[in-house]
Amino acid sequence: MPVDATFAPKSAEELLEGLLSVAAGTAKKQWTAIRDEMTYQLGFISQKTAKVMAQLAAKTITIKAADLTLHLLELNLNSALAEFKFLIYGAAQKILTAVFDLVKTAVKNVTGVGLMF
């Protein structure tokens, strides 16, 4: 059964399948955005850490400077992770909206009544 504007489940099981489908699809889109941002952050950390390691090995950077650089990378990631709290909250809200948009569609298509919640 298609999960679109024509969705009209005949049972609680069909409704559950539809709800799981929209929840999973929405969650996947949001996870992709979060994963892409985390990949960027971790890639940046990897590049900068490799540079610091090479500089330490070549003795072109002091231990204090290396320690400070890595600490700043840690603070940067901490800030990014704080932002992820909002991304996760936004993802949860999008899942909630998608699920209840489908519930409204199902109610309307099965009963003819358009609810306003």
PDB file of N, CA and C in Angstrom:
ATOM      1  N   MET A   1       0.844  -1.173   0.000  1.00  0.00           N
ATOM      2  CA  MET A   1       0.000   0.000   0.000  1.00  0.00           C
ATOM      3  C   MET A   1       0.894   1.241   0.000  1.00  0.00           C
ATOM      4  N   PRO A   2       0.646   2.172  -0.932  1.00  0.00           N
ATOM      5  CA  PRO A   2       1.474   3.375  -0.980  1.00  0.00           C
ATOM      6  C   PRO A   2       1.229   4.282   0.235  1.00  0.00           C
ATOM      7  N   VAL A   3       2.314   4.856   0.739  1.00  0.00           N
ATOM      8  CA  VAL A   3       2.208   5.784   1.868  1.00  0.00           C
ATOM      9  C   VAL A   3       2.296   7.187   1.276  1.00  0.00           C
ATOM     10  N   ASP A   4       1.126   7.662   0.817  1.00  0.00           N
ATOM     11  CA  ASP A   4       1.048   8.983   0.192  1.00  0.00           C
ATOM     12  C   ASP A   4      -0.310   9.577   0.509  1.00  0.00           C
ATOM     13  N   ALA A   5      -0.751  10.520  -0.282  1.00  0.00           N
ATOM     14  CA  ALA A   5      -2.025  11.204  -0.026  1.00  0.00           C
ATOM     15  C   ALA A   5      -3.223  10.275  -0.158  1.00  0.00           C
ATOM     16  N   THR A   6      -3.035   9.090  -0.730  1.00  0.00           N
ATOM     17  CA  THR A   6      -4.137   8.141  -0.882  1.00  0.00           C
ATOM     18  C   THR A   6      -4.132   7.065   0.205  1.00  0.00           C
ATOM     19  N   PHE A   7      -3.220   7.158   1.159  1.00  0.00           N
ATOM     20  CA  PHE A   7      -3.060   6.143   2.208  1.00  0.00           C
ATOM     21  C   PHE A   7      -4.368   5.958   2.975  1.00  0.00           C
ATOM     22  N   ALA A   8      -4.897   4.740   2.946  1.00  0.00           N
ATOM     23  CA  ALA A   8      -6.152   4.411   3.637  1.00  0.00           C
ATOM     24  C   ALA A   8      -6.024   2.998   4.209  1.00  0.00           C
ATOM     25  N   PRO A   9      -5.367   2.861   5.348  1.00  0.00           N
ATOM     26  CA  PRO A   9      -5.142   1.525   5.914  1.00  0.00           C
ATOM     27  C   PRO A   9      -6.452   0.862   6.320  1.00  0.00           C
ATOM     28  N   LYS A  10      -6.494  -0.454   6.159  1.00  0.00           N
ATOM     29  CA  LYS A  10      -7.687  -1.213   6.506  1.00  0.00           C
ATOM     30  C   LYS A  10      -7.578  -1.851   7.888  1.00  0.00           C
ATOM     31  N   SER A  11      -6.423  -1.718   8.514  1.00  0.00           N
ATOM     32  CA  SER A  11      -6.228  -2.317   9.839  1.00  0.00           C
ATOM     33  C   SER A  11      -5.161  -1.550  10.604  1.00  0.00           C
ATOM     34  N   ALA A  12      -5.098  -1.836  11.884  1.00  0.00           N
ATOM     35  CA  ALA A  12      -4.059  -1.230  12.715  1.00  0.00           C
ATOM     36  C   ALA A  12      -2.678  -1.665  12.231  1.00  0.00           C
ATOM     37  N   GLU A  13      -2.580  -2.888  11.738  1.00  0.00           N
ATOM     38  CA  GLU A  13      -1.297  -3.382  11.242  1.00  0.00           C
ATOM     39  C   GLU A  13      -0.842  -2.608  10.008  1.00  0.00           C
ATOM     40  N   GLU A  14      -1.764  -2.329   9.088  1.00  0.00           N
ATOM     41  CA  GLU A  14      -1.411  -1.546   7.902  1.00  0.00           C
ATOM     42  C   GLU A  14      -1.024  -0.121   8.302  1.00  0.00           C
ATOM     43  N   LEU A  15      -1.752   0.428   9.278  1.00  0.00           N
ATOM     44  CA  LEU A  15      -1.414   1.766   9.761  1.00  0.00           C
ATOM     45  C   LEU A  15      -0.018   1.763  10.372  1.00  0.00           C
ATOM     46  N   LEU A  16       0.271   0.744  11.178  1.00  0.00           N
ATOM     47  CA  LEU A  16       1.598   0.627  11.782  1.00  0.00           C
ATOM     48  C   LEU A  16       2.677   0.549  10.716  1.00  0.00           C
ATOM     49  N   GLU A  17       2.473  -0.250   9.683  1.00  0.00           N
ATOM     50  CA  GLU A  17       3.458  -0.358   8.606  1.00  0.00           C
ATOM     51  C   GLU A  17       3.700   0.994   7.946  1.00  0.00           C
ATOM     52  N   GLY A  18       2.630   1.729   7.707  1.00  0.00           N
ATOM     53  CA  GLY A  18       2.762   3.063   7.105  1.00  0.00           C
ATOM     54  C   GLY A  18       3.501   4.020   8.014  1.00  0.00           C
ATOM     55  N   LEU A  19       3.146   4.009   9.297  1.00  0.00           N
ATOM     56  CA  LEU A  19       3.801   4.896  10.259  1.00  0.00           C
ATOM     57  C   LEU A  19       5.289   4.581  10.383  1.00  0.00           C
ATOM     58  N   LEU A  20       5.607   3.283  10.438  1.00  0.00           N
ATOM     59  CA  LEU A  20       7.018   2.890  10.502  1.00  0.00           C
ATOM     60  C   LEU A  20       7.770   3.340   9.248  1.00  0.00           C
ATOM     61  N   SER A  21       7.105   3.243   8.120  1.00  0.00           N
ATOM     62  CA  SER A  21       7.729   3.637   6.859  1.00  0.00           C
ATOM     63  C   SER A  21       8.065   5.128   6.842  1.00  0.00           C
ATOM     64  N   VAL A  22       7.100   5.985   7.227  1.00  0.00           N
ATOM     65  CA  VAL A  22       7.391   7.419   7.203  1.00  0.00           C
ATOM     66  C   VAL A  22       8.377   7.805   8.293  1.00  0.00           C
ATOM     67  N   ALA A  23       8.291   7.173   9.461  1.00  0.00           N
ATOM     68  CA  ALA A  23       9.227   7.475  10.545  1.00  0.00           C
ATOM     69  C   ALA A  23      10.643   7.089  10.130  1.00  0.00           C
ATOM     70  N   ALA A  24      10.793   5.904   9.558  1.00  0.00           N
ATOM     71  CA  ALA A  24      12.119   5.436   9.144  1.00  0.00           C
ATOM     72  C   ALA A  24      12.683   6.305   8.019  1.00  0.00           C
ATOM     73  N   GLY A  25      11.856   6.649   7.052  1.00  0.00           N
ATOM     74  CA  GLY A  25      12.324   7.480   5.940  1.00  0.00           C
ATOM     75  C   GLY A  25      12.764   8.859   6.410  1.00  0.00           C
ATOM     76  N   THR A  26      11.995   9.440   7.306  1.00  0.00           N
ATOM     77  CA  THR A  26      12.346  10.758   7.836  1.00  0.00           C
ATOM     78  C   THR A  26      13.609  10.674   8.678  1.00  0.00           C
ATOM     79  N   ALA A  27      13.687   9.649   9.521  1.00  0.00           N
ATOM     80  CA  ALA A  27      14.873   9.480  10.375  1.00  0.00           C
ATOM     81  C   ALA A  27      16.127   9.291   9.525  1.00  0.00           C
ATOM     82  N   LYS A  28      16.008   8.537   8.436  1.00  0.00           N
ATOM     83  CA  LYS A  28      17.175   8.296   7.580  1.00  0.00           C
ATOM     84  C   LYS A  28      17.684   9.595   6.968  1.00  0.00           C
ATOM     85  N   LYS A  29      16.777  10.438   6.505  1.00  0.00           N
ATOM     86  CA  LYS A  29      17.191  11.723   5.927  1.00  0.00           C
ATOM     87  C   LYS A  29      17.914  12.573   6.971  1.00  0.00           C
ATOM     88  N   GLN A  30      17.374  12.596   8.165  1.00  0.00           N
ATOM     89  CA  GLN A  30      17.986  13.400   9.226  1.00  0.00           C
ATOM     90  C   GLN A  30      19.331  12.816   9.636  1.00  0.00           C
ATOM     91  N   TRP A  31      19.416  11.499   9.729  1.00  0.00           N
ATOM     92  CA  TRP A  31      20.684  10.863  10.102  1.00  0.00           C
ATOM     93  C   TRP A  31      21.758  11.175   9.074  1.00  0.00           C
ATOM     94  N   THR A  32      21.380  11.204   7.802  1.00  0.00           N
ATOM     95  CA  THR A  32      22.340  11.504   6.745  1.00  0.00           C
ATOM     96  C   THR A  32      22.936  12.893   6.946  1.00  0.00           C
ATOM     97  N   ALA A  33      22.102  13.857   7.298  1.00  0.00           N
ATOM     98  CA  ALA A  33      22.596  15.213   7.530  1.00  0.00           C
ATOM     99  C   ALA A  33      23.537  15.251   8.736  1.00  0.00           C
ATOM    100  N   ILE A  34      23.189  14.546   9.793  1.00  0.00           N
ATOM    101  CA  ILE A  34      24.018  14.508  10.995  1.00  0.00           C
ATOM    102  C   ILE A  34      25.335  13.789  10.700  1.00  0.00           C
ATOM    103  N   ARG A  35      25.251  12.670   9.983  1.00  0.00           N
ATOM    104  CA  ARG A  35      26.465  11.910   9.637  1.00  0.00           C
ATOM    105  C   ARG A  35      27.403  12.752   8.770  1.00  0.00           C
ATOM    106  N   ASP A  36      26.848  13.488   7.823  1.00  0.00           N
ATOM    107  CA  ASP A  36      27.680  14.324   6.960  1.00  0.00           C
ATOM    108  C   ASP A  36      28.408  15.393   7.771  1.00  0.00           C
ATOM    109  N   GLU A  37      27.711  16.009   8.706  1.00  0.00           N
ATOM    110  CA  GLU A  37      28.351  17.029   9.543  1.00  0.00           C
ATOM    111  C   GLU A  37      29.423  16.410  10.438  1.00  0.00           C
ATOM    112  N   MET A  38      29.134  15.241  11.004  1.00  0.00           N
ATOM    113  CA  MET A  38      30.117  14.577  11.861  1.00  0.00           C
ATOM    114  C   MET A  38      31.332  14.149  11.038  1.00  0.00           C
ATOM    115  N   THR A  39      31.125  13.698   9.829  1.00  0.00           N
ATOM    116  CA  THR A  39      32.227  13.323   8.953  1.00  0.00           C
ATOM    117  C   THR A  39      33.115  14.525   8.679  1.00  0.00           C
ATOM    118  N   TYR A  40      32.498  15.666   8.440  1.00  0.00           N
ATOM    119  CA  TYR A  40      33.265  16.887   8.217  1.00  0.00           C
ATOM    120  C   TYR A  40      34.096  17.228   9.460  1.00  0.00           C
ATOM    121  N   GLN A  41      33.455  17.213  10.623  1.00  0.00           N
ATOM    122  CA  GLN A  41      34.147  17.563  11.871  1.00  0.00           C
ATOM    123  C   GLN A  41      35.317  16.615  12.144  1.00  0.00           C
ATOM    124  N   LEU A  42      35.062  15.321  12.013  1.00  0.00           N
ATOM    125  CA  LEU A  42      36.114  14.333  12.297  1.00  0.00           C
ATOM    126  C   LEU A  42      37.227  14.384  11.248  1.00  0.00           C
ATOM    127  N   GLY A  43      36.884  14.688  10.015  1.00  0.00           N
ATOM    128  CA  GLY A  43      37.894  14.852   8.976  1.00  0.00           C
ATOM    129  C   GLY A  43      38.817  16.027   9.283  1.00  0.00           C
ATOM    130  N   PHE A  44      38.219  17.120   9.753  1.00  0.00           N
ATOM    131  CA  PHE A  44      39.001  18.295  10.132  1.00  0.00           C
ATOM    132  C   PHE A  44      39.950  17.950  11.275  1.00  0.00           C
ATOM    133  N   ILE A  45      39.440  17.253  12.279  1.00  0.00           N
ATOM    134  CA  ILE A  45      40.270  16.844  13.415  1.00  0.00           C
ATOM    135  C   ILE A  45      41.402  15.923  12.942  1.00  0.00           C
ATOM    136  N   SER A  46      41.082  14.982  12.067  1.00  0.00           N
ATOM    137  CA  SER A  46      42.102  14.046  11.559  1.00  0.00           C
ATOM    138  C   SER A  46      43.225  14.782  10.839  1.00  0.00           C
ATOM    139  N   GLN A  47      42.857  15.716   9.973  1.00  0.00           N
ATOM    140  CA  GLN A  47      43.864  16.460   9.213  1.00  0.00           C
ATOM    141  C   GLN A  47      44.756  17.290  10.131  1.00  0.00           C
ATOM    142  N   LYS A  48      44.139  18.006  11.055  1.00  0.00           N
ATOM    143  CA  LYS A  48      44.919  18.861  11.964  1.00  0.00           C
ATOM    144  C   LYS A  48      45.782  18.027  12.907  1.00  0.00           C
ATOM    145  N   THR A  49      45.270  16.900  13.369  1.00  0.00           N
ATOM    146  CA  THR A  49      46.050  16.034  14.259  1.00  0.00           C
ATOM    147  C   THR A  49      47.245  15.445  13.519  1.00  0.00           C
ATOM    148  N   ALA A  50      47.026  15.016  12.279  1.00  0.00           N
ATOM    149  CA  ALA A  50      48.134  14.476  11.478  1.00  0.00           C
ATOM    150  C   ALA A  50      49.210  15.539  11.288  1.00  0.00           C
ATOM    151  N   LYS A  51      48.802  16.776  11.061  1.00  0.00           N
ATOM    152  CA  LYS A  51      49.759  17.863  10.898  1.00  0.00           C
ATOM    153  C   LYS A  51      50.550  18.078  12.193  1.00  0.00           C
ATOM    154  N   VAL A  52      49.856  18.071  13.333  1.00  0.00           N
ATOM    155  CA  VAL A  52      50.535  18.245  14.621  1.00  0.00           C
ATOM    156  C   VAL A  52      51.505  17.092  14.868  1.00  0.00           C
ATOM    157  N   MET A  53      51.097  15.874  14.563  1.00  0.00           N
ATOM    158  CA  MET A  53      51.996  14.721  14.760  1.00  0.00           C
ATOM    159  C   MET A  53      53.254  14.861  13.907  1.00  0.00           C
ATOM    160  N   ALA A  54      53.079  15.286  12.654  1.00  0.00           N
ATOM    161  CA  ALA A  54      54.232  15.467  11.763  1.00  0.00           C
ATOM    162  C   ALA A  54      55.140  16.573  12.290  1.00  0.00           C
ATOM    163  N   GLN A  55      54.544  17.642  12.787  1.00  0.00           N
ATOM    164  CA  GLN A  55      55.344  18.739  13.330  1.00  0.00           C
ATOM    165  C   GLN A  55      56.087  18.306  14.596  1.00  0.00           C
ATOM    166  N   LEU A  56      55.428  17.531  15.437  1.00  0.00           N
ATOM    167  CA  LEU A  56      56.102  17.020  16.642  1.00  0.00           C
ATOM    168  C   LEU A  56      57.269  16.111  16.271  1.00  0.00           C
ATOM    169  N   ALA A  57      57.014  15.243  15.314  1.00  0.00           N
ATOM    170  CA  ALA A  57      58.067  14.316  14.883  1.00  0.00           C
ATOM    171  C   ALA A  57      59.262  15.071  14.291  1.00  0.00           C
ATOM    172  N   ALA A  58      58.964  16.155  13.570  1.00  0.00           N
ATOM    173  CA  ALA A  58      60.023  16.950  12.947  1.00  0.00           C
ATOM    174  C   ALA A  58      60.593  17.997  13.909  1.00  0.00           C
ATOM    175  N   LYS A  59      60.022  18.050  15.088  1.00  0.00           N
ATOM    176  CA  LYS A  59      60.444  19.009  16.113  1.00  0.00           C
ATOM    177  C   LYS A  59      60.316  20.458  15.638  1.00  0.00           C
ATOM    178  N   THR A  60      59.228  20.713  14.864  1.00  0.00           N
ATOM    179  CA  THR A  60      58.971  22.083  14.389  1.00  0.00           C
ATOM    180  C   THR A  60      57.842  22.754  15.172  1.00  0.00           C
ATOM    181  N   ILE A  61      57.371  22.086  16.197  1.00  0.00           N
ATOM    182  CA  ILE A  61      56.330  22.637  17.057  1.00  0.00           C
ATOM    183  C   ILE A  61      56.663  22.233  18.494  1.00  0.00           C
ATOM    184  N   THR A  62      56.351  23.102  19.415  1.00  0.00           N
ATOM    185  CA  THR A  62      56.617  22.761  20.815  1.00  0.00           C
ATOM    186  C   THR A  62      55.513  21.852  21.341  1.00  0.00           C
ATOM    187  N   ILE A  63      55.835  21.152  22.398  1.00  0.00           N
ATOM    188  CA  ILE A  63      54.828  20.284  23.029  1.00  0.00           C
ATOM    189  C   ILE A  63      53.657  21.134  23.511  1.00  0.00           C
ATOM    190  N   LYS A  64      53.953  22.299  24.044  1.00  0.00           N
ATOM    191  CA  LYS A  64      52.895  23.197  24.531  1.00  0.00           C
ATOM    192  C   LYS A  64      51.978  23.623  23.385  1.00  0.00           C
ATOM    193  N   ALA A  65      52.561  23.975  22.244  1.00  0.00           N
ATOM    194  CA  ALA A  65      51.762  24.382  21.081  1.00  0.00           C
ATOM    195  C   ALA A  65      50.923  23.213  20.558  1.00  0.00           C
ATOM    196  N   ALA A  66      51.519  22.035  20.543  1.00  0.00           N
ATOM    197  CA  ALA A  66      50.780  20.846  20.089  1.00  0.00           C
ATOM    198  C   ALA A  66      49.607  20.569  21.024  1.00  0.00           C
ATOM    199  N   ASP A  67      49.889  20.644  22.330  1.00  0.00           N
ATOM    200  CA  ASP A  67      48.838  20.413  23.322  1.00  0.00           C
ATOM    201  C   ASP A  67      47.716  21.425  23.166  1.00  0.00           C
ATOM    202  N   LEU A  68      48.061  22.682  22.972  1.00  0.00           N
ATOM    203  CA  LEU A  68      47.063  23.738  22.793  1.00  0.00           C
ATOM    204  C   LEU A  68      46.236  23.506  21.528  1.00  0.00           C
ATOM    205  N   THR A  69      46.895  23.140  20.440  1.00  0.00           N
ATOM    206  CA  THR A  69      46.183  22.890  19.177  1.00  0.00           C
ATOM    207  C   THR A  69      45.167  21.772  19.334  1.00  0.00           C
ATOM    208  N   LEU A  70      45.586  20.688  19.966  1.00  0.00           N
ATOM    209  CA  LEU A  70      44.662  19.558  20.142  1.00  0.00           C
ATOM    210  C   LEU A  70      43.539  19.909  21.114  1.00  0.00           C
ATOM    211  N   HIS A  71      43.833  20.710  22.106  1.00  0.00           N
ATOM    212  CA  HIS A  71      42.787  21.145  23.031  1.00  0.00           C
ATOM    213  C   HIS A  71      41.759  22.012  22.300  1.00  0.00           C
ATOM    214  N   LEU A  72      42.233  22.881  21.417  1.00  0.00           N
ATOM    215  CA  LEU A  72      41.312  23.708  20.634  1.00  0.00           C
ATOM    216  C   LEU A  72      40.448  22.843  19.712  1.00  0.00           C
ATOM    217  N   LEU A  73      41.023  21.787  19.171  1.00  0.00           N
ATOM    218  CA  LEU A  73      40.224  20.851  18.366  1.00  0.00           C
ATOM    219  C   LEU A  73      39.149  20.192  19.219  1.00  0.00           C
ATOM    220  N   GLU A  74      39.497  19.857  20.449  1.00  0.00           N
ATOM    221  CA  GLU A  74      38.532  19.254  21.368  1.00  0.00           C
ATOM    222  C   GLU A  74      37.391  20.233  21.655  1.00  0.00           C
ATOM    223  N   LEU A  75      37.734  21.494  21.890  1.00  0.00           N
ATOM    224  CA  LEU A  75      36.698  22.505  22.141  1.00  0.00           C
ATOM    225  C   LEU A  75      35.814  22.700  20.916  1.00  0.00           C
ATOM    226  N   ASN A  76      36.420  22.666  19.738  1.00  0.00           N
ATOM    227  CA  ASN A  76      35.660  22.807  18.502  1.00  0.00           C
ATOM    228  C   ASN A  76      34.655  21.668  18.346  1.00  0.00           C
ATOM    229  N   LEU A  77      35.104  20.441  18.609  1.00  0.00           N
ATOM    230  CA  LEU A  77      34.191  19.297  18.502  1.00  0.00           C
ATOM    231  C   LEU A  77      33.105  19.376  19.566  1.00  0.00           C
ATOM    232  N   ASN A  78      33.461  19.822  20.756  1.00  0.00           N
ATOM    233  CA  ASN A  78      32.465  19.977  21.809  1.00  0.00           C
ATOM    234  C   ASN A  78      31.364  20.941  21.367  1.00  0.00           C
ATOM    235  N   SER A  79      31.746  22.028  20.714  1.00  0.00           N
ATOM    236  CA  SER A  79      30.759  22.990  20.203  1.00  0.00           C
ATOM    237  C   SER A  79      29.881  22.351  19.128  1.00  0.00           C
ATOM    238  N   ALA A  80      30.505  21.580  18.252  1.00  0.00           N
ATOM    239  CA  ALA A  80      29.745  20.903  17.197  1.00  0.00           C
ATOM    240  C   ALA A  80      28.756  19.908  17.798  1.00  0.00           C
ATOM    241  N   LEU A  81      29.191  19.182  18.824  1.00  0.00           N
ATOM    242  CA  LEU A  81      28.296  18.214  19.468  1.00  0.00           C
ATOM    243  C   LEU A  81      27.130  18.916  20.149  1.00  0.00           C
ATOM    244  N   ALA A  82      27.363  20.094  20.692  1.00  0.00           N
ATOM    245  CA  ALA A  82      26.266  20.864  21.276  1.00  0.00           C
ATOM    246  C   ALA A  82      25.255  21.232  20.194  1.00  0.00           C
ATOM    247  N   GLU A  83      25.746  21.554  19.006  1.00  0.00           N
ATOM    248  CA  GLU A  83      24.854  21.854  17.882  1.00  0.00           C
ATOM    249  C   GLU A  83      24.048  20.612  17.483  1.00  0.00           C
ATOM    250  N   PHE A  84      24.659  19.432  17.599  1.00  0.00           N
ATOM    251  CA  PHE A  84      23.968  18.203  17.240  1.00  0.00           C
ATOM    252  C   PHE A  84      22.733  17.976  18.104  1.00  0.00           C
ATOM    253  N   LYS A  85      22.747  18.471  19.336  1.00  0.00           N
ATOM    254  CA  LYS A  85      21.550  18.350  20.181  1.00  0.00           C
ATOM    255  C   LYS A  85      20.362  18.980  19.470  1.00  0.00           C
ATOM    256  N   PHE A  86      20.602  20.132  18.845  1.00  0.00           N
ATOM    257  CA  PHE A  86      19.527  20.806  18.128  1.00  0.00           C
ATOM    258  C   PHE A  86      19.154  20.059  16.852  1.00  0.00           C
ATOM    259  N   LEU A  87      20.157  19.512  16.174  1.00  0.00           N
ATOM    260  CA  LEU A  87      19.872  18.724  14.973  1.00  0.00           C
ATOM    261  C   LEU A  87      19.037  17.494  15.318  1.00  0.00           C
ATOM    262  N   ILE A  88      19.364  16.845  16.430  1.00  0.00           N
ATOM    263  CA  ILE A  88      18.613  15.659  16.853  1.00  0.00           C
ATOM    264  C   ILE A  88      17.198  16.045  17.259  1.00  0.00           C
ATOM    265  N   TYR A  89      17.059  17.152  17.976  1.00  0.00           N
ATOM    266  CA  TYR A  89      15.729  17.622  18.355  1.00  0.00           C
ATOM    267  C   TYR A  89      14.918  17.944  17.096  1.00  0.00           C
ATOM    268  N   GLY A  90      15.563  18.612  16.139  1.00  0.00           N
ATOM    269  CA  GLY A  90      14.886  18.917  14.879  1.00  0.00           C
ATOM    270  C   GLY A  90      14.474  17.651  14.145  1.00  0.00           C
ATOM    271  N   ALA A  91      15.331  16.639  14.173  1.00  0.00           N
ATOM    272  CA  ALA A  91      15.001  15.361  13.533  1.00  0.00           C
ATOM    273  C   ALA A  91      13.796  14.722  14.212  1.00  0.00           C
ATOM    274  N   ALA A  92      13.774  14.748  15.535  1.00  0.00           N
ATOM    275  CA  ALA A  92      12.646  14.171  16.272  1.00  0.00           C
ATOM    276  C   ALA A  92      11.352  14.901  15.920  1.00  0.00           C
ATOM    277  N   GLN A  93      11.422  16.207  15.793  1.00  0.00           N
ATOM    278  CA  GLN A  93      10.232  16.978  15.431  1.00  0.00           C
ATOM    279  C   GLN A  93       9.755  16.641  14.016  1.00  0.00           C
ATOM    280  N   LYS A  94      10.687  16.426  13.110  1.00  0.00           N
ATOM    281  CA  LYS A  94      10.313  16.068  11.733  1.00  0.00           C
ATOM    282  C   LYS A  94       9.671  14.682  11.692  1.00  0.00           C
ATOM    283  N   ILE A  95      10.165  13.763  12.506  1.00  0.00           N
ATOM    284  CA  ILE A  95       9.558  12.428  12.578  1.00  0.00           C
ATOM    285  C   ILE A  95       8.148  12.544  13.144  1.00  0.00           C
ATOM    286  N   LEU A  96       7.993  13.309  14.213  1.00  0.00           N
ATOM    287  CA  LEU A  96       6.680  13.523  14.822  1.00  0.00           C
ATOM    288  C   LEU A  96       5.692  14.090  13.807  1.00  0.00           C
ATOM    289  N   THR A  97       6.121  15.107  13.080  1.00  0.00           N
ATOM    290  CA  THR A  97       5.259  15.726  12.069  1.00  0.00           C
ATOM    291  C   THR A  97       4.899  14.741  10.970  1.00  0.00           C
ATOM    292  N   ALA A  98       5.877  13.990  10.476  1.00  0.00           N
ATOM    293  CA  ALA A  98       5.623  13.025   9.401  1.00  0.00           C
ATOM    294  C   ALA A  98       4.632  11.956   9.846  1.00  0.00           C
ATOM    295  N   VAL A  99       4.808  11.447  11.060  1.00  0.00           N
ATOM    296  CA  VAL A  99       3.916  10.402  11.573  1.00  0.00           C
ATOM    297  C   VAL A  99       2.486  10.929  11.681  1.00  0.00           C
ATOM    298  N   PHE A 100       2.319  12.098  12.277  1.00  0.00           N
ATOM    299  CA  PHE A 100       0.956  12.579  12.476  1.00  0.00           C
ATOM    300  C   PHE A 100       0.343  13.184  11.226  1.00  0.00           C
ATOM    301  N   ASP A 101       1.144  13.593  10.263  1.00  0.00           N
ATOM    302  CA  ASP A 101       0.587  13.953   8.956  1.00  0.00           C
ATOM    303  C   ASP A 101      -0.014  12.710   8.308  1.00  0.00           C
ATOM    304  N   LEU A 102       0.660  11.575   8.458  1.00  0.00           N
ATOM    305  CA  LEU A 102       0.128  10.333   7.901  1.00  0.00           C
ATOM    306  C   LEU A 102      -1.120   9.883   8.660  1.00  0.00           C
ATOM    307  N   VAL A 103      -1.122  10.060   9.977  1.00  0.00           N
ATOM    308  CA  VAL A 103      -2.317   9.717  10.766  1.00  0.00           C
ATOM    309  C   VAL A 103      -3.502  10.549  10.271  1.00  0.00           C
ATOM    310  N   LYS A 104      -3.312  11.852  10.089  1.00  0.00           N
ATOM    311  CA  LYS A 104      -4.399  12.711   9.592  1.00  0.00           C
ATOM    312  C   LYS A 104      -4.872  12.253   8.210  1.00  0.00           C
ATOM    313  N   THR A 105      -3.915  11.909   7.351  1.00  0.00           N
ATOM    314  CA  THR A 105      -4.262  11.434   6.006  1.00  0.00           C
ATOM    315  C   THR A 105      -5.077  10.156   6.089  1.00  0.00           C
ATOM    316  N   ALA A 106      -4.644   9.226   6.923  1.00  0.00           N
ATOM    317  CA  ALA A 106      -5.357   7.956   7.062  1.00  0.00           C
ATOM    318  C   ALA A 106      -6.772   8.182   7.587  1.00  0.00           C
ATOM    319  N   VAL A 107      -6.921   9.012   8.607  1.00  0.00           N
ATOM    320  CA  VAL A 107      -8.246   9.285   9.173  1.00  0.00           C
ATOM    321  C   VAL A 107      -9.143   9.895   8.104  1.00  0.00           C
ATOM    322  N   LYS A 108      -8.624  10.858   7.366  1.00  0.00           N
ATOM    323  CA  LYS A 108      -9.430  11.513   6.332  1.00  0.00           C
ATOM    324  C   LYS A 108      -9.804  10.547   5.213  1.00  0.00           C
ATOM    325  N   ASN A 109      -8.845   9.732   4.763  1.00  0.00           N
ATOM    326  CA  ASN A 109      -9.121   8.827   3.647  1.00  0.00           C
ATOM    327  C   ASN A 109     -10.040   7.677   4.035  1.00  0.00           C
ATOM    328  N   VAL A 110      -9.999   7.261   5.283  1.00  0.00           N
ATOM    329  CA  VAL A 110     -10.847   6.145   5.724  1.00  0.00           C
ATOM    330  C   VAL A 110     -12.235   6.631   6.135  1.00  0.00           C
ATOM    331  N   THR A 111     -12.303   7.805   6.802  1.00  0.00           N
ATOM    332  CA  THR A 111     -13.594   8.257   7.357  1.00  0.00           C
ATOM    333  C   THR A 111     -14.196   9.445   6.609  1.00  0.00           C
ATOM    334  N   GLY A 112     -13.397  10.139   5.834  1.00  0.00           N
ATOM    335  CA  GLY A 112     -13.873  11.347   5.171  1.00  0.00           C
ATOM    336  C   GLY A 112     -13.813  12.570   6.070  1.00  0.00           C
ATOM    337  N   VAL A 113     -13.316  12.415   7.281  1.00  0.00           N
ATOM    338  CA  VAL A 113     -13.253  13.529   8.242  1.00  0.00           C
ATOM    339  C   VAL A 113     -11.829  14.069   8.302  1.00  0.00           C
ATOM    340  N   GLY A 114     -11.695  15.352   8.042  1.00  0.00           N
ATOM    341  CA  GLY A 114     -10.391  16.001   8.128  1.00  0.00           C
ATOM    342  C   GLY A 114     -10.215  16.630   9.498  1.00  0.00           C
ATOM    343  N   LEU A 115      -9.361  16.041  10.311  1.00  0.00           N
ATOM    344  CA  LEU A 115      -9.118  16.559  11.649  1.00  0.00           C
ATOM    345  C   LEU A 115      -8.088  17.679  11.608  1.00  0.00           C
ATOM    346  N   MET A 116      -8.140  18.562  12.597  1.00  0.00           N
ATOM    347  CA  MET A 116      -7.294  19.735  12.602  1.00  0.00           C
ATOM    348  C   MET A 116      -6.086  19.654  13.535  1.00  0.00           C
ATOM    349  N   PHE A 117      -5.876  18.514  14.202  1.00  0.00           N
ATOM    350  CA  PHE A 117      -4.758  18.455  15.162  1.00  0.00           C
ATOM    351  C   PHE A 117      -3.432  18.539  14.454  1.00  0.00           C
TER     352      PHE A 117
END
